[in-house]
N, C-alpha and C. Protein backbone atom coordinates (compact mmCIF):
# COMPACT_ATOMS: atom_id res chain seq x y z
N MET A 1 168.90 94.02 153.04
CA MET A 1 169.33 93.91 151.66
C MET A 1 169.93 92.52 151.39
N VAL A 2 170.68 92.00 152.36
CA VAL A 2 171.27 90.67 152.17
C VAL A 2 170.17 89.62 152.09
N LEU A 3 169.14 89.76 152.90
CA LEU A 3 168.02 88.84 152.87
C LEU A 3 167.36 88.85 151.49
N VAL A 4 167.14 90.02 150.94
CA VAL A 4 166.53 90.14 149.61
C VAL A 4 167.47 89.56 148.55
N ALA A 5 168.76 89.86 148.64
CA ALA A 5 169.73 89.32 147.68
C ALA A 5 169.75 87.80 147.75
N HIS A 6 169.66 87.27 148.96
CA HIS A 6 169.65 85.82 149.17
C HIS A 6 168.43 85.19 148.48
N LEU A 7 167.28 85.79 148.69
CA LEU A 7 166.05 85.29 148.09
C LEU A 7 166.09 85.39 146.57
N VAL A 8 166.60 86.50 146.06
CA VAL A 8 166.72 86.68 144.61
C VAL A 8 167.68 85.64 144.02
N PHE A 9 168.79 85.38 144.73
CA PHE A 9 169.74 84.38 144.25
C PHE A 9 169.09 83.01 144.17
N ILE A 10 168.33 82.64 145.20
CA ILE A 10 167.66 81.34 145.20
C ILE A 10 166.66 81.26 144.05
N ALA A 11 165.91 82.33 143.84
CA ALA A 11 164.96 82.36 142.72
C ALA A 11 165.69 82.23 141.39
N PHE A 12 166.85 82.89 141.27
CA PHE A 12 167.64 82.81 140.04
C PHE A 12 168.18 81.40 139.83
N VAL A 13 168.63 80.76 140.90
CA VAL A 13 169.12 79.38 140.81
C VAL A 13 168.02 78.46 140.32
N LEU A 14 166.83 78.61 140.88
CA LEU A 14 165.72 77.73 140.51
C LEU A 14 165.15 78.02 139.13
N GLY A 15 164.98 79.29 138.79
CA GLY A 15 164.29 79.62 137.55
C GLY A 15 165.05 80.46 136.56
N GLY A 16 166.31 80.74 136.85
CA GLY A 16 167.09 81.60 135.97
C GLY A 16 167.26 81.05 134.57
N GLY A 17 167.16 79.73 134.44
CA GLY A 17 167.25 79.13 133.12
C GLY A 17 166.11 79.60 132.22
N LEU A 18 164.99 79.96 132.83
CA LEU A 18 163.88 80.49 132.04
C LEU A 18 164.27 81.81 131.37
N LEU A 19 165.11 82.57 132.04
CA LEU A 19 165.60 83.82 131.44
C LEU A 19 166.47 83.53 130.22
N ALA A 20 167.12 82.38 130.23
CA ALA A 20 167.96 81.99 129.09
C ALA A 20 167.10 81.67 127.87
N LEU A 21 165.85 81.35 128.08
CA LEU A 21 164.95 81.18 126.94
C LEU A 21 164.76 82.52 126.22
N TRP A 22 164.76 83.58 127.00
CA TRP A 22 164.59 84.93 126.48
C TRP A 22 165.90 85.49 125.95
N ARG A 23 166.97 85.35 126.76
CA ARG A 23 168.31 85.84 126.40
C ARG A 23 169.31 84.73 126.69
N PRO A 24 169.68 83.94 125.68
CA PRO A 24 170.56 82.79 125.89
C PRO A 24 171.89 83.12 126.59
N ARG A 25 172.38 84.32 126.47
CA ARG A 25 173.66 84.67 127.12
C ARG A 25 173.57 84.68 128.64
N ILE A 26 172.37 84.75 129.16
CA ILE A 26 172.17 84.70 130.61
C ILE A 26 172.66 83.36 131.16
N ALA A 27 172.70 82.35 130.30
CA ALA A 27 173.17 81.03 130.73
C ALA A 27 174.57 81.09 131.32
N TRP A 28 175.40 82.00 130.83
CA TRP A 28 176.77 82.12 131.36
C TRP A 28 176.79 82.57 132.82
N LEU A 29 175.75 83.25 133.24
CA LEU A 29 175.62 83.62 134.66
C LEU A 29 174.85 82.56 135.44
N HIS A 30 173.83 82.03 134.78
CA HIS A 30 172.95 81.12 135.49
C HIS A 30 173.57 79.75 135.78
N LEU A 31 174.25 79.17 134.80
CA LEU A 31 174.80 77.82 135.01
C LEU A 31 175.73 77.73 136.21
N PRO A 32 176.67 78.67 136.38
CA PRO A 32 177.49 78.60 137.61
C PRO A 32 176.67 78.81 138.89
N ALA A 33 175.68 79.69 138.82
CA ALA A 33 174.83 79.92 140.00
C ALA A 33 174.04 78.66 140.33
N ALA A 34 173.49 78.00 139.32
CA ALA A 34 172.72 76.77 139.54
C ALA A 34 173.63 75.66 140.07
N ALA A 35 174.84 75.58 139.52
CA ALA A 35 175.79 74.56 140.01
C ALA A 35 176.13 74.82 141.47
N TRP A 36 176.35 76.08 141.82
CA TRP A 36 176.66 76.44 143.20
C TRP A 36 175.48 76.10 144.11
N GLY A 37 174.26 76.45 143.69
CA GLY A 37 173.07 76.16 144.49
C GLY A 37 172.89 74.67 144.72
N ALA A 38 173.09 73.89 143.67
CA ALA A 38 172.97 72.43 143.81
C ALA A 38 174.07 71.89 144.72
N LEU A 39 175.30 72.37 144.56
CA LEU A 39 176.42 71.92 145.39
C LEU A 39 176.16 72.21 146.86
N ILE A 40 175.66 73.40 147.16
CA ILE A 40 175.33 73.76 148.54
C ILE A 40 174.35 72.75 149.13
N GLU A 41 173.33 72.38 148.34
CA GLU A 41 172.33 71.44 148.84
C GLU A 41 172.88 70.03 148.95
N PHE A 42 173.59 69.55 147.92
CA PHE A 42 174.12 68.19 147.96
C PHE A 42 175.15 68.01 149.07
N ALA A 43 175.98 69.02 149.29
CA ALA A 43 177.03 68.91 150.30
C ALA A 43 176.53 69.23 151.71
N GLY A 44 175.33 69.82 151.80
CA GLY A 44 174.81 70.20 153.11
C GLY A 44 175.51 71.41 153.70
N TRP A 45 176.12 72.21 152.84
CA TRP A 45 176.84 73.41 153.30
C TRP A 45 175.86 74.54 153.58
N THR A 46 176.38 75.55 154.24
CA THR A 46 175.64 76.78 154.46
C THR A 46 176.12 77.81 153.46
N CYS A 47 175.19 78.46 152.81
CA CYS A 47 175.54 79.49 151.83
C CYS A 47 176.32 80.61 152.52
N PRO A 48 177.34 81.15 151.87
CA PRO A 48 178.12 82.24 152.47
C PRO A 48 177.30 83.50 152.77
N LEU A 49 176.15 83.65 152.14
CA LEU A 49 175.31 84.80 152.43
C LEU A 49 174.67 84.69 153.82
N THR A 50 174.51 83.48 154.33
CA THR A 50 173.89 83.29 155.64
C THR A 50 174.71 83.92 156.77
N PRO A 51 176.02 83.66 156.87
CA PRO A 51 176.79 84.34 157.93
C PRO A 51 176.79 85.87 157.77
N LEU A 52 176.80 86.33 156.52
CA LEU A 52 176.74 87.78 156.28
C LEU A 52 175.41 88.33 156.78
N GLU A 53 174.35 87.63 156.49
CA GLU A 53 173.02 88.03 156.95
C GLU A 53 172.98 88.05 158.48
N ASN A 54 173.54 87.02 159.12
CA ASN A 54 173.58 86.97 160.59
C ASN A 54 174.40 88.12 161.17
N TYR A 55 175.50 88.45 160.52
CA TYR A 55 176.34 89.56 160.98
C TYR A 55 175.53 90.85 161.03
N PHE A 56 174.80 91.12 159.95
CA PHE A 56 174.01 92.34 159.91
C PHE A 56 172.82 92.29 160.87
N LEU A 57 172.25 91.10 161.08
CA LEU A 57 171.18 90.97 162.07
C LEU A 57 171.69 91.33 163.46
N GLU A 58 172.85 90.79 163.82
CA GLU A 58 173.44 91.08 165.13
C GLU A 58 173.83 92.55 165.26
N LEU A 59 174.36 93.11 164.18
CA LEU A 59 174.76 94.52 164.16
C LEU A 59 173.54 95.42 164.41
N ALA A 60 172.40 95.01 163.92
CA ALA A 60 171.17 95.79 164.09
C ALA A 60 170.46 95.48 165.40
N GLY A 61 171.05 94.61 166.21
CA GLY A 61 170.45 94.28 167.49
C GLY A 61 169.49 93.11 167.42
N GLY A 62 169.42 92.46 166.29
CA GLY A 62 168.55 91.29 166.14
C GLY A 62 169.25 90.03 166.60
N VAL A 63 168.56 88.93 166.47
CA VAL A 63 169.10 87.63 166.87
C VAL A 63 169.47 86.85 165.62
N SER A 64 170.71 86.37 165.58
CA SER A 64 171.14 85.56 164.44
C SER A 64 170.52 84.17 164.55
N TYR A 65 170.67 83.40 163.50
CA TYR A 65 170.11 82.05 163.49
C TYR A 65 171.15 81.06 163.01
N ARG A 66 170.92 79.80 163.34
CA ARG A 66 171.79 78.70 162.91
C ARG A 66 171.17 78.07 161.67
N GLY A 67 171.96 77.37 160.92
CA GLY A 67 171.44 76.71 159.73
C GLY A 67 171.55 77.61 158.52
N ASP A 68 170.73 77.32 157.53
CA ASP A 68 170.82 78.11 156.30
C ASP A 68 169.52 78.86 156.02
N PHE A 69 169.56 79.68 154.98
CA PHE A 69 168.45 80.53 154.60
C PHE A 69 167.19 79.73 154.33
N ILE A 70 167.32 78.66 153.56
CA ILE A 70 166.16 77.85 153.21
C ILE A 70 165.54 77.26 154.48
N ALA A 71 166.37 76.74 155.36
CA ALA A 71 165.87 76.16 156.61
C ALA A 71 165.21 77.23 157.48
N ARG A 72 165.74 78.42 157.47
CA ARG A 72 165.23 79.50 158.33
C ARG A 72 163.93 80.11 157.81
N TYR A 73 163.88 80.46 156.54
CA TYR A 73 162.76 81.23 156.02
C TYR A 73 161.78 80.45 155.15
N LEU A 74 162.27 79.55 154.33
CA LEU A 74 161.39 78.88 153.37
C LEU A 74 160.87 77.54 153.86
N TRP A 75 161.74 76.74 154.43
CA TRP A 75 161.35 75.39 154.81
C TRP A 75 160.25 75.34 155.86
N PRO A 76 160.25 76.21 156.87
CA PRO A 76 159.16 76.13 157.85
C PRO A 76 157.78 76.31 157.22
N ILE A 77 157.72 76.99 156.11
CA ILE A 77 156.44 77.18 155.43
C ILE A 77 156.00 75.88 154.76
N ILE A 78 156.96 75.17 154.15
CA ILE A 78 156.60 73.98 153.39
C ILE A 78 156.71 72.70 154.23
N TYR A 79 157.68 72.66 155.10
CA TYR A 79 157.96 71.43 155.84
C TYR A 79 158.41 71.79 157.26
N PRO A 80 157.47 71.97 158.18
CA PRO A 80 157.79 72.49 159.51
C PRO A 80 158.81 71.69 160.32
N GLU A 81 159.03 70.41 160.05
CA GLU A 81 159.96 69.63 160.87
C GLU A 81 161.40 70.06 160.70
N GLY A 82 161.73 70.68 159.61
CA GLY A 82 163.10 71.14 159.42
C GLY A 82 163.76 70.54 158.19
N LEU A 83 164.90 71.05 157.92
CA LEU A 83 165.66 70.64 156.73
C LEU A 83 166.66 69.56 157.13
N VAL A 84 166.47 68.38 156.56
CA VAL A 84 167.36 67.27 156.85
C VAL A 84 168.17 66.96 155.58
N PRO A 85 169.29 66.26 155.70
CA PRO A 85 170.13 66.00 154.52
C PRO A 85 169.40 65.35 153.36
N SER A 86 168.52 64.41 153.62
CA SER A 86 167.81 63.76 152.51
C SER A 86 166.95 64.76 151.75
N VAL A 87 166.37 65.70 152.46
CA VAL A 87 165.56 66.73 151.81
C VAL A 87 166.46 67.67 151.02
N GLN A 88 167.62 67.98 151.56
CA GLN A 88 168.57 68.83 150.83
C GLN A 88 168.98 68.16 149.52
N HIS A 89 169.14 66.85 149.53
CA HIS A 89 169.48 66.13 148.30
C HIS A 89 168.34 66.22 147.29
N VAL A 90 167.13 66.14 147.78
CA VAL A 90 165.97 66.29 146.89
C VAL A 90 165.95 67.69 146.28
N LEU A 91 166.22 68.70 147.10
CA LEU A 91 166.26 70.08 146.59
C LEU A 91 167.37 70.26 145.56
N GLY A 92 168.53 69.69 145.83
CA GLY A 92 169.63 69.76 144.86
C GLY A 92 169.27 69.07 143.56
N THR A 93 168.62 67.91 143.67
CA THR A 93 168.18 67.18 142.48
C THR A 93 167.14 67.99 141.71
N LEU A 94 166.24 68.64 142.43
CA LEU A 94 165.24 69.49 141.80
C LEU A 94 165.90 70.60 140.98
N VAL A 95 166.92 71.23 141.55
CA VAL A 95 167.65 72.29 140.83
C VAL A 95 168.25 71.74 139.55
N VAL A 96 168.90 70.58 139.64
CA VAL A 96 169.56 69.99 138.47
C VAL A 96 168.54 69.59 137.41
N VAL A 97 167.49 68.87 137.81
CA VAL A 97 166.49 68.38 136.86
C VAL A 97 165.75 69.54 136.20
N LEU A 98 165.30 70.48 137.00
CA LEU A 98 164.59 71.64 136.46
C LEU A 98 165.44 72.37 135.43
N ASN A 99 166.69 72.58 135.76
CA ASN A 99 167.56 73.31 134.84
C ASN A 99 167.96 72.48 133.62
N CYS A 100 168.06 71.18 133.76
CA CYS A 100 168.32 70.34 132.58
C CYS A 100 167.16 70.44 131.59
N ILE A 101 165.95 70.42 132.10
CA ILE A 101 164.77 70.56 131.23
C ILE A 101 164.78 71.92 130.55
N ILE A 102 165.01 72.96 131.31
CA ILE A 102 165.02 74.31 130.75
C ILE A 102 166.09 74.45 129.69
N TYR A 103 167.30 73.96 129.98
CA TYR A 103 168.39 74.12 129.01
C TYR A 103 168.22 73.20 127.80
N ALA A 104 167.52 72.10 127.94
CA ALA A 104 167.20 71.29 126.77
C ALA A 104 166.31 72.10 125.83
N VAL A 105 165.37 72.83 126.39
CA VAL A 105 164.51 73.71 125.58
C VAL A 105 165.34 74.84 124.96
N VAL A 106 166.26 75.43 125.72
CA VAL A 106 167.11 76.50 125.19
C VAL A 106 167.94 76.00 124.03
N VAL A 107 168.59 74.85 124.19
CA VAL A 107 169.45 74.29 123.13
C VAL A 107 168.61 73.91 121.92
N TYR A 108 167.47 73.30 122.15
CA TYR A 108 166.58 72.93 121.05
C TYR A 108 166.16 74.19 120.27
N GLY A 109 165.79 75.24 120.99
CA GLY A 109 165.39 76.50 120.34
C GLY A 109 166.53 77.12 119.56
N ALA A 110 167.74 77.08 120.11
CA ALA A 110 168.90 77.65 119.42
C ALA A 110 169.20 76.86 118.15
N LYS A 111 169.12 75.54 118.22
CA LYS A 111 169.36 74.71 117.03
C LYS A 111 168.28 74.97 115.98
N ARG A 112 167.08 75.13 116.43
CA ARG A 112 165.97 75.36 115.51
C ARG A 112 166.13 76.72 114.82
N ARG A 113 166.53 77.75 115.58
CA ARG A 113 166.76 79.08 114.98
C ARG A 113 167.92 79.04 114.01
N LYS A 114 168.97 78.32 114.37
CA LYS A 114 170.15 78.20 113.50
C LYS A 114 169.77 77.49 112.20
N ALA A 115 169.01 76.40 112.31
CA ALA A 115 168.58 75.66 111.11
C ALA A 115 167.66 76.52 110.26
N GLY A 116 166.82 77.32 110.88
CA GLY A 116 165.92 78.21 110.15
C GLY A 116 166.68 79.30 109.41
N GLY A 117 167.79 79.77 110.00
CA GLY A 117 168.63 80.81 109.37
C GLY A 117 169.36 80.26 108.16
N LYS A 118 169.76 79.00 108.20
CA LYS A 118 170.46 78.39 107.08
C LYS A 118 169.52 78.17 105.91
N GLN A 119 168.26 77.86 106.19
CA GLN A 119 167.31 77.61 105.11
C GLN A 119 166.98 78.90 104.37
N GLY A 120 166.98 80.02 105.10
CA GLY A 120 166.65 81.29 104.46
C GLY A 120 167.81 81.89 103.70
N ALA A 121 169.03 81.32 103.81
CA ALA A 121 170.22 81.89 103.16
C ALA A 121 170.38 81.46 101.74
């Protein structure tokens, strides 16, 4: 369950802003999550879900791993050499840029709807 929650959180960090296009109030949840995801990557920290995941792996008789979730499960698929700090900075920048674009569209749409409501009044 922690593994699934971890994956869902990463997906939400990367694309949760798209949900704000549908429901703008989701931004109140997504912006802090995106900031946290970017901070983890820029600082080179390990997400707190990783030690929790390792705890449950060991409890179940499995073998825990070092590093972070992205390095363990996602990065070997895309970049087999491993996750290095420069790549983490690129990932953090990707999170920031992607979400800036998405939120520019959200803000533009909100302004457009607001202006449309004033014209009809």
